[in-house]
Amino acid sequence: MTEQPSAPDGPLIPMPALTPAALRAAVAQIAPAQLPSFVEHLDRAVEQAATQSTIAPLRTFLQWWGEFVAIQRYPARAARLCQLEAVAQEATDRETLRSTLSEIRQITDLAHHEISA
């Protein structure tokens, strides 16, 4: 994951495999401040999986962090999502909120598509 972006708006890193180790390495590289949240979420998912005798919490964990990495590996995409979240929190009219949420959905749908491909 040392690949450099080929264009200014390209990804910082290639999309990692959806495994805890690969996602942890990606988070450490592109969003190190989020590592404690990553570890806490992983611990909760493992505990829930054991308690519930199902891997569903682990799949949810991998999906969530996969989408996080898919967004964060593109700095412009991550910055835009941050801007949109701020606008959504401050929105006072339905149209602004609707259009803002629509754009947020486009970003998250794109991230979901990237990890599903």
PDB file of N, CA and C in Angstrom:
ATOM      1  N   MET A   1       0.809  -1.187   0.000  1.00  0.00           N
ATOM      2  CA  MET A   1       0.000   0.000   0.000  1.00  0.00           C
ATOM      3  C   MET A   1       0.860   1.262   0.000  1.00  0.00           C
ATOM      4  N   THR A   2       1.968   1.220  -0.689  1.00  0.00           N
ATOM      5  CA  THR A   2       2.810   2.402  -0.763  1.00  0.00           C
ATOM      6  C   THR A   2       2.638   3.131  -2.079  1.00  0.00           C
ATOM      7  N   GLU A   3       1.710   2.707  -2.888  1.00  0.00           N
ATOM      8  CA  GLU A   3       1.457   3.326  -4.183  1.00  0.00           C
ATOM      9  C   GLU A   3       1.084   4.794  -4.016  1.00  0.00           C
ATOM     10  N   GLN A   4       1.710   5.653  -4.799  1.00  0.00           N
ATOM     11  CA  GLN A   4       1.422   7.080  -4.761  1.00  0.00           C
ATOM     12  C   GLN A   4       0.318   7.392  -5.754  1.00  0.00           C
ATOM     13  N   PRO A   5      -0.484   8.404  -5.487  1.00  0.00           N
ATOM     14  CA  PRO A   5      -1.547   8.745  -6.418  1.00  0.00           C
ATOM     15  C   PRO A   5      -0.970   9.180  -7.755  1.00  0.00           C
ATOM     16  N   SER A   6      -1.621   8.771  -8.836  1.00  0.00           N
ATOM     17  CA  SER A   6      -1.150   9.117 -10.170  1.00  0.00           C
ATOM     18  C   SER A   6      -1.645  10.485 -10.605  1.00  0.00           C
ATOM     19  N   ALA A   7      -2.664  10.982  -9.957  1.00  0.00           N
ATOM     20  CA  ALA A   7      -3.212  12.298 -10.253  1.00  0.00           C
ATOM     21  C   ALA A   7      -3.524  12.981  -8.927  1.00  0.00           C
ATOM     22  N   PRO A   8      -3.616  14.313  -8.920  1.00  0.00           N
ATOM     23  CA  PRO A   8      -3.878  15.011  -7.662  1.00  0.00           C
ATOM     24  C   PRO A   8      -5.153  14.555  -6.958  1.00  0.00           C
ATOM     25  N   ASP A   9      -6.142  14.110  -7.725  1.00  0.00           N
ATOM     26  CA  ASP A   9      -7.389  13.675  -7.106  1.00  0.00           C
ATOM     27  C   ASP A   9      -7.484  12.157  -7.011  1.00  0.00           C
ATOM     28  N   GLY A  10      -6.362  11.462  -7.227  1.00  0.00           N
ATOM     29  CA  GLY A  10      -6.352  10.005  -7.154  1.00  0.00           C
ATOM     30  C   GLY A  10      -6.306   9.504  -5.723  1.00  0.00           C
ATOM     31  N   PRO A  11      -6.424   8.197  -5.552  1.00  0.00           N
ATOM     32  CA  PRO A  11      -6.420   7.629  -4.201  1.00  0.00           C
ATOM     33  C   PRO A  11      -5.026   7.688  -3.568  1.00  0.00           C
ATOM     34  N   LEU A  12      -5.002   7.866  -2.263  1.00  0.00           N
ATOM     35  CA  LEU A  12      -3.742   7.851  -1.525  1.00  0.00           C
ATOM     36  C   LEU A  12      -3.153   6.450  -1.461  1.00  0.00           C
ATOM     37  N   ILE A  13      -4.041   5.462  -1.392  1.00  0.00           N
ATOM     38  CA  ILE A  13      -3.642   4.065  -1.298  1.00  0.00           C
ATOM     39  C   ILE A  13      -4.590   3.237  -2.149  1.00  0.00           C
ATOM     40  N   PRO A  14      -4.161   2.043  -2.559  1.00  0.00           N
ATOM     41  CA  PRO A  14      -5.097   1.140  -3.235  1.00  0.00           C
ATOM     42  C   PRO A  14      -6.163   0.665  -2.235  1.00  0.00           C
ATOM     43  N   MET A  15      -7.294   0.253  -2.737  1.00  0.00           N
ATOM     44  CA  MET A  15      -8.335  -0.272  -1.861  1.00  0.00           C
ATOM     45  C   MET A  15      -7.847  -1.594  -1.279  1.00  0.00           C
ATOM     46  N   PRO A  16      -7.793  -1.697   0.051  1.00  0.00           N
ATOM     47  CA  PRO A  16      -7.305  -2.935   0.666  1.00  0.00           C
ATOM     48  C   PRO A  16      -8.374  -4.025   0.640  1.00  0.00           C
ATOM     49  N   ALA A  17      -7.923  -5.229   0.929  1.00  0.00           N
ATOM     50  CA  ALA A  17      -8.858  -6.336   1.104  1.00  0.00           C
ATOM     51  C   ALA A  17      -9.721  -6.061   2.327  1.00  0.00           C
ATOM     52  N   LEU A  18     -10.893  -6.623   2.336  1.00  0.00           N
ATOM     53  CA  LEU A  18     -11.800  -6.422   3.474  1.00  0.00           C
ATOM     54  C   LEU A  18     -11.502  -7.456   4.560  1.00  0.00           C
ATOM     55  N   THR A  19     -10.331  -7.287   5.164  1.00  0.00           N
ATOM     56  CA  THR A  19      -9.931  -8.098   6.304  1.00  0.00           C
ATOM     57  C   THR A  19      -9.544  -7.140   7.426  1.00  0.00           C
ATOM     58  N   PRO A  20      -9.667  -7.580   8.663  1.00  0.00           N
ATOM     59  CA  PRO A  20      -9.281  -6.685   9.756  1.00  0.00           C
ATOM     60  C   PRO A  20      -7.839  -6.183   9.639  1.00  0.00           C
ATOM     61  N   ALA A  21      -6.915  -7.047   9.288  1.00  0.00           N
ATOM     62  CA  ALA A  21      -5.509  -6.640   9.205  1.00  0.00           C
ATOM     63  C   ALA A  21      -5.285  -5.623   8.089  1.00  0.00           C
ATOM     64  N   ALA A  22      -5.853  -5.870   6.920  1.00  0.00           N
ATOM     65  CA  ALA A  22      -5.663  -4.947   5.795  1.00  0.00           C
ATOM     66  C   ALA A  22      -6.338  -3.603   6.059  1.00  0.00           C
ATOM     67  N   LEU A  23      -7.526  -3.646   6.631  1.00  0.00           N
ATOM     68  CA  LEU A  23      -8.218  -2.393   6.942  1.00  0.00           C
ATOM     69  C   LEU A  23      -7.499  -1.622   8.043  1.00  0.00           C
ATOM     70  N   ARG A  24      -6.971  -2.337   9.040  1.00  0.00           N
ATOM     71  CA  ARG A  24      -6.211  -1.671  10.108  1.00  0.00           C
ATOM     72  C   ARG A  24      -4.995  -0.955   9.530  1.00  0.00           C
ATOM     73  N   ALA A  25      -4.286  -1.617   8.621  1.00  0.00           N
ATOM     74  CA  ALA A  25      -3.117  -0.995   7.991  1.00  0.00           C
ATOM     75  C   ALA A  25      -3.525   0.240   7.186  1.00  0.00           C
ATOM     76  N   ALA A  26      -4.644   0.149   6.489  1.00  0.00           N
ATOM     77  CA  ALA A  26      -5.119   1.284   5.692  1.00  0.00           C
ATOM     78  C   ALA A  26      -5.516   2.453   6.593  1.00  0.00           C
ATOM     79  N   VAL A  27      -6.245   2.163   7.653  1.00  0.00           N
ATOM     80  CA  VAL A  27      -6.652   3.219   8.587  1.00  0.00           C
ATOM     81  C   VAL A  27      -5.409   3.853   9.217  1.00  0.00           C
ATOM     82  N   ALA A  28      -4.444   3.042   9.581  1.00  0.00           N
ATOM     83  CA  ALA A  28      -3.209   3.568  10.173  1.00  0.00           C
ATOM     84  C   ALA A  28      -2.495   4.510   9.217  1.00  0.00           C
ATOM     85  N   GLN A  29      -2.601   4.232   7.937  1.00  0.00           N
ATOM     86  CA  GLN A  29      -1.913   5.059   6.941  1.00  0.00           C
ATOM     87  C   GLN A  29      -2.674   6.330   6.591  1.00  0.00           C
ATOM     88  N   ILE A  30      -3.990   6.241   6.419  1.00  0.00           N
ATOM     89  CA  ILE A  30      -4.731   7.407   5.908  1.00  0.00           C
ATOM     90  C   ILE A  30      -5.518   8.165   6.964  1.00  0.00           C
ATOM     91  N   ALA A  31      -5.773   7.537   8.115  1.00  0.00           N
ATOM     92  CA  ALA A  31      -6.542   8.205   9.180  1.00  0.00           C
ATOM     93  C   ALA A  31      -6.104   7.669  10.541  1.00  0.00           C
ATOM     94  N   PRO A  32      -4.840   7.851  10.899  1.00  0.00           N
ATOM     95  CA  PRO A  32      -4.329   7.249  12.137  1.00  0.00           C
ATOM     96  C   PRO A  32      -5.092   7.658  13.400  1.00  0.00           C
ATOM     97  N   ALA A  33      -5.685   8.812  13.407  1.00  0.00           N
ATOM     98  CA  ALA A  33      -6.454   9.239  14.585  1.00  0.00           C
ATOM     99  C   ALA A  33      -7.676   8.352  14.822  1.00  0.00           C
ATOM    100  N   GLN A  34      -8.089   7.601  13.793  1.00  0.00           N
ATOM    101  CA  GLN A  34      -9.260   6.735  13.905  1.00  0.00           C
ATOM    102  C   GLN A  34      -8.920   5.321  14.382  1.00  0.00           C
ATOM    103  N   LEU A  35      -7.631   5.015  14.573  1.00  0.00           N
ATOM    104  CA  LEU A  35      -7.252   3.665  15.011  1.00  0.00           C
ATOM    105  C   LEU A  35      -7.908   3.236  16.323  1.00  0.00           C
ATOM    106  N   PRO A  36      -7.981   4.088  17.341  1.00  0.00           N
ATOM    107  CA  PRO A  36      -8.670   3.654  18.562  1.00  0.00           C
ATOM    108  C   PRO A  36     -10.137   3.279  18.312  1.00  0.00           C
ATOM    109  N   SER A  37     -10.819   4.028  17.472  1.00  0.00           N
ATOM    110  CA  SER A  37     -12.214   3.694  17.132  1.00  0.00           C
ATOM    111  C   SER A  37     -12.279   2.371  16.383  1.00  0.00           C
ATOM    112  N   PHE A  38     -11.332   2.161  15.483  1.00  0.00           N
ATOM    113  CA  PHE A  38     -11.268   0.910  14.723  1.00  0.00           C
ATOM    114  C   PHE A  38     -11.134  -0.271  15.681  1.00  0.00           C
ATOM    115  N   VAL A  39     -10.172  -0.195  16.589  1.00  0.00           N
ATOM    116  CA  VAL A  39      -9.912  -1.294  17.524  1.00  0.00           C
ATOM    117  C   VAL A  39     -11.113  -1.524  18.437  1.00  0.00           C
ATOM    118  N   GLU A  40     -11.708  -0.452  18.939  1.00  0.00           N
ATOM    119  CA  GLU A  40     -12.878  -0.584  19.796  1.00  0.00           C
ATOM    120  C   GLU A  40     -14.040  -1.237  19.048  1.00  0.00           C
ATOM    121  N   HIS A  41     -14.263  -0.818  17.817  1.00  0.00           N
ATOM    122  CA  HIS A  41     -15.349  -1.384  17.013  1.00  0.00           C
ATOM    123  C   HIS A  41     -15.073  -2.861  16.727  1.00  0.00           C
ATOM    124  N   LEU A  42     -13.829  -3.204  16.410  1.00  0.00           N
ATOM    125  CA  LEU A  42     -13.469  -4.598  16.161  1.00  0.00           C
ATOM    126  C   LEU A  42     -13.696  -5.440  17.415  1.00  0.00           C
ATOM    127  N   ASP A  43     -13.266  -4.952  18.559  1.00  0.00           N
ATOM    128  CA  ASP A  43     -13.470  -5.696  19.806  1.00  0.00           C
ATOM    129  C   ASP A  43     -14.951  -5.945  20.074  1.00  0.00           C
ATOM    130  N   ARG A  44     -15.778  -4.906  19.872  1.00  0.00           N
ATOM    131  CA  ARG A  44     -17.234  -5.064  20.065  1.00  0.00           C
ATOM    132  C   ARG A  44     -17.808  -6.082  19.090  1.00  0.00           C
ATOM    133  N   ALA A  45     -17.363  -6.028  17.839  1.00  0.00           N
ATOM    134  CA  ALA A  45     -17.876  -6.954  16.817  1.00  0.00           C
ATOM    135  C   ALA A  45     -17.513  -8.397  17.160  1.00  0.00           C
ATOM    136  N   VAL A  46     -16.291  -8.611  17.609  1.00  0.00           N
ATOM    137  CA  VAL A  46     -15.860  -9.964  17.983  1.00  0.00           C
ATOM    138  C   VAL A  46     -16.671 -10.456  19.176  1.00  0.00           C
ATOM    139  N   GLU A  47     -16.865  -9.598  20.169  1.00  0.00           N
ATOM    140  CA  GLU A  47     -17.645  -9.972  21.348  1.00  0.00           C
ATOM    141  C   GLU A  47     -19.091 -10.297  20.970  1.00  0.00           C
ATOM    142  N   GLN A  48     -19.695  -9.461  20.131  1.00  0.00           N
ATOM    143  CA  GLN A  48     -21.074  -9.716  19.703  1.00  0.00           C
ATOM    144  C   GLN A  48     -21.165 -10.994  18.887  1.00  0.00           C
ATOM    145  N   ALA A  49     -20.195 -11.230  18.026  1.00  0.00           N
ATOM    146  CA  ALA A  49     -20.205 -12.445  17.212  1.00  0.00           C
ATOM    147  C   ALA A  49     -20.142 -13.681  18.099  1.00  0.00           C
ATOM    148  N   ALA A  50     -19.308 -13.637  19.114  1.00  0.00           N
ATOM    149  CA  ALA A  50     -19.191 -14.778  20.022  1.00  0.00           C
ATOM    150  C   ALA A  50     -20.464 -14.962  20.841  1.00  0.00           C
ATOM    151  N   THR A  51     -21.004 -13.879  21.350  1.00  0.00           N
ATOM    152  CA  THR A  51     -22.213 -13.936  22.170  1.00  0.00           C
ATOM    153  C   THR A  51     -23.417 -14.426  21.376  1.00  0.00           C
ATOM    154  N   GLN A  52     -23.529 -13.945  20.134  1.00  0.00           N
ATOM    155  CA  GLN A  52     -24.693 -14.257  19.302  1.00  0.00           C
ATOM    156  C   GLN A  52     -24.494 -15.490  18.430  1.00  0.00           C
ATOM    157  N   SER A  53     -23.295 -16.058  18.431  1.00  0.00           N
ATOM    158  CA  SER A  53     -22.969 -17.217  17.588  1.00  0.00           C
ATOM    159  C   SER A  53     -23.278 -16.947  16.118  1.00  0.00           C
ATOM    160  N   THR A  54     -22.857 -15.770  15.650  1.00  0.00           N
ATOM    161  CA  THR A  54     -23.060 -15.393  14.254  1.00  0.00           C
ATOM    162  C   THR A  54     -21.916 -14.488  13.828  1.00  0.00           C
ATOM    163  N   ILE A  55     -21.626 -14.510  12.523  1.00  0.00           N
ATOM    164  CA  ILE A  55     -20.560 -13.633  12.020  1.00  0.00           C
ATOM    165  C   ILE A  55     -21.109 -12.293  11.528  1.00  0.00           C
ATOM    166  N   ALA A  56     -22.397 -12.082  11.675  1.00  0.00           N
ATOM    167  CA  ALA A  56     -23.011 -10.842  11.186  1.00  0.00           C
ATOM    168  C   ALA A  56     -22.338  -9.582  11.741  1.00  0.00           C
ATOM    169  N   PRO A  57     -22.012  -9.507  13.034  1.00  0.00           N
ATOM    170  CA  PRO A  57     -21.340  -8.300  13.522  1.00  0.00           C
ATOM    171  C   PRO A  57     -19.976  -8.072  12.858  1.00  0.00           C
ATOM    172  N   LEU A  58     -19.277  -9.145  12.534  1.00  0.00           N
ATOM    173  CA  LEU A  58     -17.982  -9.006  11.866  1.00  0.00           C
ATOM    174  C   LEU A  58     -18.158  -8.529  10.428  1.00  0.00           C
ATOM    175  N   ARG A  59     -19.168  -9.021   9.761  1.00  0.00           N
ATOM    176  CA  ARG A  59     -19.445  -8.545   8.398  1.00  0.00           C
ATOM    177  C   ARG A  59     -19.805  -7.068   8.404  1.00  0.00           C
ATOM    178  N   THR A  60     -20.611  -6.662   9.369  1.00  0.00           N
ATOM    179  CA  THR A  60     -20.987  -5.249   9.499  1.00  0.00           C
ATOM    180  C   THR A  60     -19.750  -4.394   9.749  1.00  0.00           C
ATOM    181  N   PHE A  61     -18.875  -4.857  10.623  1.00  0.00           N
ATOM    182  CA  PHE A  61     -17.625  -4.159  10.911  1.00  0.00           C
ATOM    183  C   PHE A  61     -16.794  -3.985   9.638  1.00  0.00           C
ATOM    184  N   LEU A  62     -16.597  -5.072   8.890  1.00  0.00           N
ATOM    185  CA  LEU A  62     -15.796  -5.007   7.666  1.00  0.00           C
ATOM    186  C   LEU A  62     -16.420  -4.079   6.634  1.00  0.00           C
ATOM    187  N   GLN A  63     -17.730  -4.115   6.517  1.00  0.00           N
ATOM    188  CA  GLN A  63     -18.437  -3.243   5.586  1.00  0.00           C
ATOM    189  C   GLN A  63     -18.247  -1.777   5.984  1.00  0.00           C
ATOM    190  N   TRP A  64     -18.457  -1.461   7.264  1.00  0.00           N
ATOM    191  CA  TRP A  64     -18.371  -0.080   7.731  1.00  0.00           C
ATOM    192  C   TRP A  64     -16.973   0.480   7.507  1.00  0.00           C
ATOM    193  N   TRP A  65     -15.953  -0.263   7.923  1.00  0.00           N
ATOM    194  CA  TRP A  65     -14.587   0.235   7.787  1.00  0.00           C
ATOM    195  C   TRP A  65     -14.098   0.183   6.347  1.00  0.00           C
ATOM    196  N   GLY A  66     -14.615  -0.751   5.562  1.00  0.00           N
ATOM    197  CA  GLY A  66     -14.293  -0.764   4.137  1.00  0.00           C
ATOM    198  C   GLY A  66     -14.800   0.498   3.464  1.00  0.00           C
ATOM    199  N   GLU A  67     -16.033   0.884   3.765  1.00  0.00           N
ATOM    200  CA  GLU A  67     -16.584   2.115   3.201  1.00  0.00           C
ATOM    201  C   GLU A  67     -15.836   3.345   3.718  1.00  0.00           C
ATOM    202  N   PHE A  68     -15.467   3.334   4.993  1.00  0.00           N
ATOM    203  CA  PHE A  68     -14.686   4.436   5.554  1.00  0.00           C
ATOM    204  C   PHE A  68     -13.377   4.607   4.778  1.00  0.00           C
ATOM    205  N   VAL A  69     -12.664   3.518   4.561  1.00  0.00           N
ATOM    206  CA  VAL A  69     -11.397   3.581   3.832  1.00  0.00           C
ATOM    207  C   VAL A  69     -11.633   4.000   2.385  1.00  0.00           C
ATOM    208  N   ALA A  70     -12.678   3.470   1.759  1.00  0.00           N
ATOM    209  CA  ALA A  70     -12.976   3.833   0.366  1.00  0.00           C
ATOM    210  C   ALA A  70     -13.192   5.335   0.227  1.00  0.00           C
ATOM    211  N   ILE A  71     -13.788   5.949   1.215  1.00  0.00           N
ATOM    212  CA  ILE A  71     -14.001   7.405   1.185  1.00  0.00           C
ATOM    213  C   ILE A  71     -12.717   8.142   1.536  1.00  0.00           C
ATOM    214  N   GLN A  72     -12.072   7.756   2.617  1.00  0.00           N
ATOM    215  CA  GLN A  72     -10.922   8.492   3.127  1.00  0.00           C
ATOM    216  C   GLN A  72      -9.675   8.390   2.241  1.00  0.00           C
ATOM    217  N   ARG A  73      -9.595   7.377   1.408  1.00  0.00           N
ATOM    218  CA  ARG A  73      -8.407   7.259   0.562  1.00  0.00           C
ATOM    219  C   ARG A  73      -8.389   8.294  -0.561  1.00  0.00           C
ATOM    220  N   TYR A  74      -9.500   8.968  -0.776  1.00  0.00           N
ATOM    221  CA  TYR A  74      -9.594  10.097  -1.710  1.00  0.00           C
ATOM    222  C   TYR A  74      -9.769  11.368  -0.884  1.00  0.00           C
ATOM    223  N   PRO A  75      -8.731  12.161  -0.705  1.00  0.00           N
ATOM    224  CA  PRO A  75      -8.842  13.351   0.151  1.00  0.00           C
ATOM    225  C   PRO A  75      -9.966  14.306  -0.250  1.00  0.00           C
ATOM    226  N   ALA A  76     -10.167  14.521  -1.527  1.00  0.00           N
ATOM    227  CA  ALA A  76     -11.233  15.440  -1.956  1.00  0.00           C
ATOM    228  C   ALA A  76     -12.607  14.877  -1.591  1.00  0.00           C
ATOM    229  N   ARG A  77     -12.782  13.590  -1.749  1.00  0.00           N
ATOM    230  CA  ARG A  77     -14.054  12.943  -1.406  1.00  0.00           C
ATOM    231  C   ARG A  77     -14.307  13.035   0.099  1.00  0.00           C
ATOM    232  N   ALA A  78     -13.277  12.769   0.884  1.00  0.00           N
ATOM    233  CA  ALA A  78     -13.407  12.834   2.343  1.00  0.00           C
ATOM    234  C   ALA A  78     -13.725  14.256   2.793  1.00  0.00           C
ATOM    235  N   ALA A  79     -13.047  15.229   2.187  1.00  0.00           N
ATOM    236  CA  ALA A  79     -13.289  16.632   2.548  1.00  0.00           C
ATOM    237  C   ALA A  79     -14.710  17.041   2.187  1.00  0.00           C
ATOM    238  N   ARG A  80     -15.176  16.614   1.018  1.00  0.00           N
ATOM    239  CA  ARG A  80     -16.532  16.965   0.605  1.00  0.00           C
ATOM    240  C   ARG A  80     -17.564  16.349   1.543  1.00  0.00           C
ATOM    241  N   LEU A  81     -17.351  15.106   1.935  1.00  0.00           N
ATOM    242  CA  LEU A  81     -18.279  14.466   2.862  1.00  0.00           C
ATOM    243  C   LEU A  81     -18.314  15.230   4.181  1.00  0.00           C
ATOM    244  N   CYS A  82     -17.179  15.647   4.665  1.00  0.00           N
ATOM    245  CA  CYS A  82     -17.110  16.422   5.912  1.00  0.00           C
ATOM    246  C   CYS A  82     -17.894  17.734   5.770  1.00  0.00           C
ATOM    247  N   GLN A  83     -17.726  18.412   4.635  1.00  0.00           N
ATOM    248  CA  GLN A  83     -18.467  19.648   4.378  1.00  0.00           C
ATOM    249  C   GLN A  83     -19.971  19.387   4.365  1.00  0.00           C
ATOM    250  N   LEU A  84     -20.369  18.336   3.679  1.00  0.00           N
ATOM    251  CA  LEU A  84     -21.787  18.017   3.569  1.00  0.00           C
ATOM    252  C   LEU A  84     -22.396  17.670   4.927  1.00  0.00           C
ATOM    253  N   GLU A  85     -21.661  16.963   5.743  1.00  0.00           N
ATOM    254  CA  GLU A  85     -22.161  16.623   7.077  1.00  0.00           C
ATOM    255  C   GLU A  85     -22.379  17.889   7.906  1.00  0.00           C
ATOM    256  N   ALA A  86     -21.472  18.846   7.772  1.00  0.00           N
ATOM    257  CA  ALA A  86     -21.626  20.118   8.489  1.00  0.00           C
ATOM    258  C   ALA A  86     -22.853  20.878   7.989  1.00  0.00           C
ATOM    259  N   VAL A  87     -23.049  20.895   6.669  1.00  0.00           N
ATOM    260  CA  VAL A  87     -24.217  21.568   6.093  1.00  0.00           C
ATOM    261  C   VAL A  87     -25.500  20.896   6.572  1.00  0.00           C
ATOM    262  N   ALA A  88     -25.514  19.565   6.600  1.00  0.00           N
ATOM    263  CA  ALA A  88     -26.713  18.833   7.034  1.00  0.00           C
ATOM    264  C   ALA A  88     -27.048  19.152   8.487  1.00  0.00           C
ATOM    265  N   GLN A  89     -26.047  19.284   9.327  1.00  0.00           N
ATOM    266  CA  GLN A  89     -26.299  19.604  10.737  1.00  0.00           C
ATOM    267  C   GLN A  89     -26.879  20.998  10.916  1.00  0.00           C
ATOM    268  N   GLU A  90     -26.522  21.906  10.024  1.00  0.00           N
ATOM    269  CA  GLU A  90     -26.963  23.295  10.154  1.00  0.00           C
ATOM    270  C   GLU A  90     -28.175  23.634   9.285  1.00  0.00           C
ATOM    271  N   ALA A  91     -28.607  22.699   8.447  1.00  0.00           N
ATOM    272  CA  ALA A  91     -29.697  22.976   7.506  1.00  0.00           C
ATOM    273  C   ALA A  91     -30.969  23.370   8.246  1.00  0.00           C
ATOM    274  N   THR A  92     -31.618  24.410   7.719  1.00  0.00           N
ATOM    275  CA  THR A  92     -32.864  24.883   8.338  1.00  0.00           C
ATOM    276  C   THR A  92     -34.064  24.724   7.417  1.00  0.00           C
ATOM    277  N   ASP A  93     -33.801  24.314   6.171  1.00  0.00           N
ATOM    278  CA  ASP A  93     -34.937  24.103   5.263  1.00  0.00           C
ATOM    279  C   ASP A  93     -34.834  22.718   4.631  1.00  0.00           C
ATOM    280  N   ARG A  94     -35.963  22.196   4.261  1.00  0.00           N
ATOM    281  CA  ARG A  94     -36.039  20.826   3.727  1.00  0.00           C
ATOM    282  C   ARG A  94     -35.257  20.649   2.429  1.00  0.00           C
ATOM    283  N   GLU A  95     -35.299  21.621   1.548  1.00  0.00           N
ATOM    284  CA  GLU A  95     -34.624  21.478   0.255  1.00  0.00           C
ATOM    285  C   GLU A  95     -33.113  21.376   0.431  1.00  0.00           C
ATOM    286  N   THR A  96     -32.553  22.208   1.290  1.00  0.00           N
ATOM    287  CA  THR A  96     -31.113  22.142   1.553  1.00  0.00           C
ATOM    288  C   THR A  96     -30.761  20.781   2.150  1.00  0.00           C
ATOM    289  N   LEU A  97     -31.554  20.354   3.108  1.00  0.00           N
ATOM    290  CA  LEU A  97     -31.298  19.057   3.734  1.00  0.00           C
ATOM    291  C   LEU A  97     -31.440  17.926   2.723  1.00  0.00           C
ATOM    292  N   ARG A  98     -32.479  17.977   1.897  1.00  0.00           N
ATOM    293  CA  ARG A  98     -32.697  16.923   0.899  1.00  0.00           C
ATOM    294  C   ARG A  98     -31.527  16.837  -0.075  1.00  0.00           C
ATOM    295  N   SER A  99     -31.101  17.973  -0.619  1.00  0.00           N
ATOM    296  CA  SER A  99     -30.019  17.945  -1.600  1.00  0.00           C
ATOM    297  C   SER A  99     -28.695  17.542  -0.957  1.00  0.00           C
ATOM    298  N   THR A 100     -28.481  17.969   0.283  1.00  0.00           N
ATOM    299  CA  THR A 100     -27.249  17.605   0.992  1.00  0.00           C
ATOM    300  C   THR A 100     -27.219  16.106   1.272  1.00  0.00           C
ATOM    301  N   LEU A 101     -28.316  15.573   1.764  1.00  0.00           N
ATOM    302  CA  LEU A 101     -28.387  14.140   2.037  1.00  0.00           C
ATOM    303  C   LEU A 101     -28.270  13.325   0.759  1.00  0.00           C
ATOM    304  N   SER A 102     -28.780  13.843  -0.333  1.00  0.00           N
ATOM    305  CA  SER A 102     -28.660  13.159  -1.620  1.00  0.00           C
ATOM    306  C   SER A 102     -27.189  13.037  -2.037  1.00  0.00           C
ATOM    307  N   GLU A 103     -26.440  14.113  -1.860  1.00  0.00           N
ATOM    308  CA  GLU A 103     -25.026  14.070  -2.223  1.00  0.00           C
ATOM    309  C   GLU A 103     -24.235  13.166  -1.270  1.00  0.00           C
ATOM    310  N   ILE A 104     -24.585  13.184   0.002  1.00  0.00           N
ATOM    311  CA  ILE A 104     -23.945  12.268   0.955  1.00  0.00           C
ATOM    312  C   ILE A 104     -24.207  10.832   0.531  1.00  0.00           C
ATOM    313  N   ARG A 105     -25.437  10.564   0.132  1.00  0.00           N
ATOM    314  CA  ARG A 105     -25.812   9.209  -0.310  1.00  0.00           C
ATOM    315  C   ARG A 105     -25.005   8.795  -1.540  1.00  0.00           C
ATOM    316  N   GLN A 106     -24.772   9.719  -2.469  1.00  0.00           N
ATOM    317  CA  GLN A 106     -23.963   9.405  -3.646  1.00  0.00           C
ATOM    318  C   GLN A 106     -22.550   8.990  -3.248  1.00  0.00           C
ATOM    319  N   ILE A 107     -21.980   9.713  -2.298  1.00  0.00           N
ATOM    320  CA  ILE A 107     -20.624   9.389  -1.847  1.00  0.00           C
ATOM    321  C   ILE A 107     -20.591   8.020  -1.169  1.00  0.00           C
ATOM    322  N   THR A 108     -21.546   7.761  -0.298  1.00  0.00           N
ATOM    323  CA  THR A 108     -21.547   6.480   0.406  1.00  0.00           C
ATOM    324  C   THR A 108     -21.905   5.324  -0.535  1.00  0.00           C
ATOM    325  N   ASP A 109     -22.776   5.569  -1.506  1.00  0.00           N
ATOM    326  CA  ASP A 109     -23.084   4.537  -2.493  1.00  0.00           C
ATOM    327  C   ASP A 109     -21.860   4.197  -3.334  1.00  0.00           C
ATOM    328  N   LEU A 110     -21.081   5.207  -3.714  1.00  0.00           N
ATOM    329  CA  LEU A 110     -19.864   4.978  -4.478  1.00  0.00           C
ATOM    330  C   LEU A 110     -18.877   4.145  -3.651  1.00  0.00           C
ATOM    331  N   ALA A 111     -18.733   4.484  -2.382  1.00  0.00           N
ATOM    332  CA  ALA A 111     -17.839   3.728  -1.505  1.00  0.00           C
ATOM    333  C   ALA A 111     -18.321   2.285  -1.382  1.00  0.00           C
ATOM    334  N   HIS A 112     -19.621   2.109  -1.215  1.00  0.00           N
ATOM    335  CA  HIS A 112     -20.178   0.743  -1.121  1.00  0.00           C
ATOM    336  C   HIS A 112     -19.892  -0.037  -2.405  1.00  0.00           C
ATOM    337  N   HIS A 113     -20.060   0.611  -3.534  1.00  0.00           N
ATOM    338  CA  HIS A 113     -19.793  -0.049  -4.820  1.00  0.00           C
ATOM    339  C   HIS A 113     -18.322  -0.456  -4.928  1.00  0.00           C
ATOM    340  N   GLU A 114     -17.423   0.407  -4.477  1.00  0.00           N
ATOM    341  CA  GLU A 114     -15.985   0.103  -4.545  1.00  0.00           C
ATOM    342  C   GLU A 114     -15.619  -1.122  -3.716  1.00  0.00           C
ATOM    343  N   ILE A 115     -16.239  -1.286  -2.555  1.00  0.00           N
ATOM    344  CA  ILE A 115     -15.871  -2.435  -1.728  1.00  0.00           C
ATOM    345  C   ILE A 115     -16.609  -3.698  -2.163  1.00  0.00           C
ATOM    346  N   SER A 116     -17.649  -3.552  -2.939  1.00  0.00           N
ATOM    347  CA  SER A 116     -18.420  -4.698  -3.409  1.00  0.00           C
ATOM    348  C   SER A 116     -17.920  -5.237  -4.743  1.00  0.00           C
ATOM    349  N   ALA A 117     -17.092  -4.452  -5.416  1.00  0.00           N
ATOM    350  CA  ALA A 117     -16.615  -4.841  -6.757  1.00  0.00           C
ATOM    351  C   ALA A 117     -15.602  -5.956  -6.706  1.00  0.00           C
TER     352      ALA A 117
END
